Amino acid sequence: MLTLENIINTSVATIITATGWLIKKLHSDMGRLREEFHDMEIKLPEKYLMKSDFKEFKNELFARLDRIEGKIERRLEG
């Protein structure tokens, strides 16, 4: 016969079990996300260019283009 005490005990046990499973699942997911983030952190510099590096490259490129443009203008004038 189900008494109120048995129903409460079963309900509490079910809630505790579900909560434990949820905490375990969240903990394992956080570990997986931590690993993925670490992998992304390692691979990021290989795939993308830092803004400062791009600015330096752009300045060097424009300086070189300015020199080429100057040479072309001198040839056209002379």
C-alpha atoms as a PDB file:
ATOM      1  CA  MET A   1       0.000   0.000   0.000  1.00  0.00           C
ATOM      2  CA  LEU A   2       1.318   3.429  -0.942  1.00  0.00           C
ATOM      3  CA  THR A   3       1.507   5.761   1.938  1.00  0.00           C
ATOM      4  CA  LEU A   4       2.151   9.430   1.785  1.00  0.00           C
ATOM      5  CA  GLU A   5       5.634   8.823   3.191  1.00  0.00           C
ATOM      6  CA  ASN A   6       6.471   6.311   0.410  1.00  0.00           C
ATOM      7  CA  ILE A   7       5.238   8.721  -2.260  1.00  0.00           C
ATOM      8  CA  ILE A   8       7.322  11.564  -0.807  1.00  0.00           C
ATOM      9  CA  ASN A   9      10.420   9.343  -0.474  1.00  0.00           C
ATOM     10  CA  THR A  10      10.061   8.105  -4.050  1.00  0.00           C
ATOM     11  CA  SER A  11       9.534  11.642  -5.333  1.00  0.00           C
ATOM     12  CA  VAL A  12      12.546  12.985  -3.444  1.00  0.00           C
ATOM     13  CA  ALA A  13      14.721  10.102  -4.659  1.00  0.00           C
ATOM     14  CA  THR A  14      13.593  10.715  -8.247  1.00  0.00           C
ATOM     15  CA  ILE A  15      14.289  14.449  -7.992  1.00  0.00           C
ATOM     16  CA  ILE A  16      17.729  13.841  -6.449  1.00  0.00           C
ATOM     17  CA  THR A  17      18.592  11.285  -9.139  1.00  0.00           C
ATOM     18  CA  ALA A  18      17.462  13.620 -11.933  1.00  0.00           C
ATOM     19  CA  THR A  19      19.387  16.525 -10.401  1.00  0.00           C
ATOM     20  CA  GLY A  20      22.522  14.383 -10.047  1.00  0.00           C
ATOM     21  CA  TRP A  21      22.266  13.256 -13.654  1.00  0.00           C
ATOM     22  CA  LEU A  22      21.772  16.864 -14.796  1.00  0.00           C
ATOM     23  CA  ILE A  23      24.789  18.074 -12.816  1.00  0.00           C
ATOM     24  CA  LYS A  24      26.935  15.253 -14.214  1.00  0.00           C
ATOM     25  CA  LYS A  25      25.772  16.051 -17.771  1.00  0.00           C
ATOM     26  CA  LEU A  26      26.496  19.770 -17.333  1.00  0.00           C
ATOM     27  CA  HIS A  27      29.912  19.035 -15.863  1.00  0.00           C
ATOM     28  CA  SER A  28      30.896  16.768 -18.757  1.00  0.00           C
ATOM     29  CA  ASP A  29      29.570  19.293 -21.301  1.00  0.00           C
ATOM     30  CA  MET A  30      31.589  22.061 -19.652  1.00  0.00           C
ATOM     31  CA  GLY A  31      34.707  19.899 -19.881  1.00  0.00           C
ATOM     32  CA  ARG A  32      34.050  19.259 -23.567  1.00  0.00           C
ATOM     33  CA  LEU A  33      33.477  22.980 -24.207  1.00  0.00           C
ATOM     34  CA  ARG A  34      36.663  23.803 -22.301  1.00  0.00           C
ATOM     35  CA  GLU A  35      38.607  21.422 -24.580  1.00  0.00           C
ATOM     36  CA  GLU A  36      36.991  22.860 -27.728  1.00  0.00           C
ATOM     37  CA  PHE A  37      37.770  26.389 -26.574  1.00  0.00           C
ATOM     38  CA  HIS A  38      41.382  25.434 -25.894  1.00  0.00           C
ATOM     39  CA  ASP A  39      41.678  23.853 -29.359  1.00  0.00           C
ATOM     40  CA  MET A  40      40.180  26.969 -30.941  1.00  0.00           C
ATOM     41  CA  GLU A  41      42.547  29.161 -28.939  1.00  0.00           C
ATOM     42  CA  ILE A  42      45.512  27.209 -30.311  1.00  0.00           C
ATOM     43  CA  LYS A  43      44.293  27.197 -33.928  1.00  0.00           C
ATOM     44  CA  LEU A  44      43.118  30.821 -34.019  1.00  0.00           C
ATOM     45  CA  PRO A  45      46.532  32.432 -34.677  1.00  0.00           C
ATOM     46  CA  GLU A  46      47.141  29.967 -37.516  1.00  0.00           C
ATOM     47  CA  LYS A  47      43.962  30.905 -39.382  1.00  0.00           C
ATOM     48  CA  TYR A  48      43.473  34.601 -38.718  1.00  0.00           C
ATOM     49  CA  LEU A  49      45.624  37.707 -38.962  1.00  0.00           C
ATOM     50  CA  MET A  50      45.951  40.102 -36.066  1.00  0.00           C
ATOM     51  CA  LYS A  51      44.810  43.635 -36.727  1.00  0.00           C
ATOM     52  CA  SER A  52      48.231  45.079 -35.953  1.00  0.00           C
ATOM     53  CA  ASP A  53      49.902  42.654 -38.382  1.00  0.00           C
ATOM     54  CA  PHE A  54      47.418  43.633 -41.084  1.00  0.00           C
ATOM     55  CA  LYS A  55      48.042  47.341 -40.509  1.00  0.00           C
ATOM     56  CA  GLU A  56      51.795  46.771 -40.787  1.00  0.00           C
ATOM     57  CA  PHE A  57      51.338  44.773 -43.999  1.00  0.00           C
ATOM     58  CA  LYS A  58      49.019  47.438 -45.416  1.00  0.00           C
ATOM     59  CA  ASN A  59      51.511  50.228 -44.654  1.00  0.00           C
ATOM     60  CA  GLU A  60      54.362  48.290 -46.274  1.00  0.00           C
ATOM     61  CA  LEU A  61      52.219  47.547 -49.328  1.00  0.00           C
ATOM     62  CA  PHE A  62      51.147  51.170 -49.742  1.00  0.00           C
ATOM     63  CA  ALA A  63      54.739  52.364 -49.317  1.00  0.00           C
ATOM     64  CA  ARG A  64      55.829  49.991 -52.068  1.00  0.00           C
ATOM     65  CA  LEU A  65      52.944  51.090 -54.318  1.00  0.00           C
ATOM     66  CA  ASP A  66      53.859  54.733 -53.694  1.00  0.00           C
ATOM     67  CA  ARG A  67      57.445  54.009 -54.809  1.00  0.00           C
ATOM     68  CA  ILE A  68      56.177  52.267 -57.951  1.00  0.00           C
ATOM     69  CA  GLU A  69      53.827  55.157 -58.659  1.00  0.00           C
ATOM     70  CA  GLY A  70      56.709  57.629 -58.227  1.00  0.00           C
ATOM     71  CA  LYS A  71      58.877  55.668 -60.677  1.00  0.00           C
ATOM     72  CA  ILE A  72      56.068  55.591 -63.238  1.00  0.00           C
ATOM     73  CA  GLU A  73      55.501  59.336 -62.893  1.00  0.00           C
ATOM     74  CA  ARG A  74      59.216  60.061 -63.294  1.00  0.00           C
ATOM     75  CA  ARG A  75      59.360  57.962 -66.467  1.00  0.00           C
ATOM     76  CA  LEU A  76      56.326  59.682 -67.910  1.00  0.00           C
ATOM     77  CA  GLU A  77      57.811  63.123 -67.163  1.00  0.00           C
ATOM     78  CA  GLY A  78      61.269  62.347 -68.445  1.00  0.00           C
END
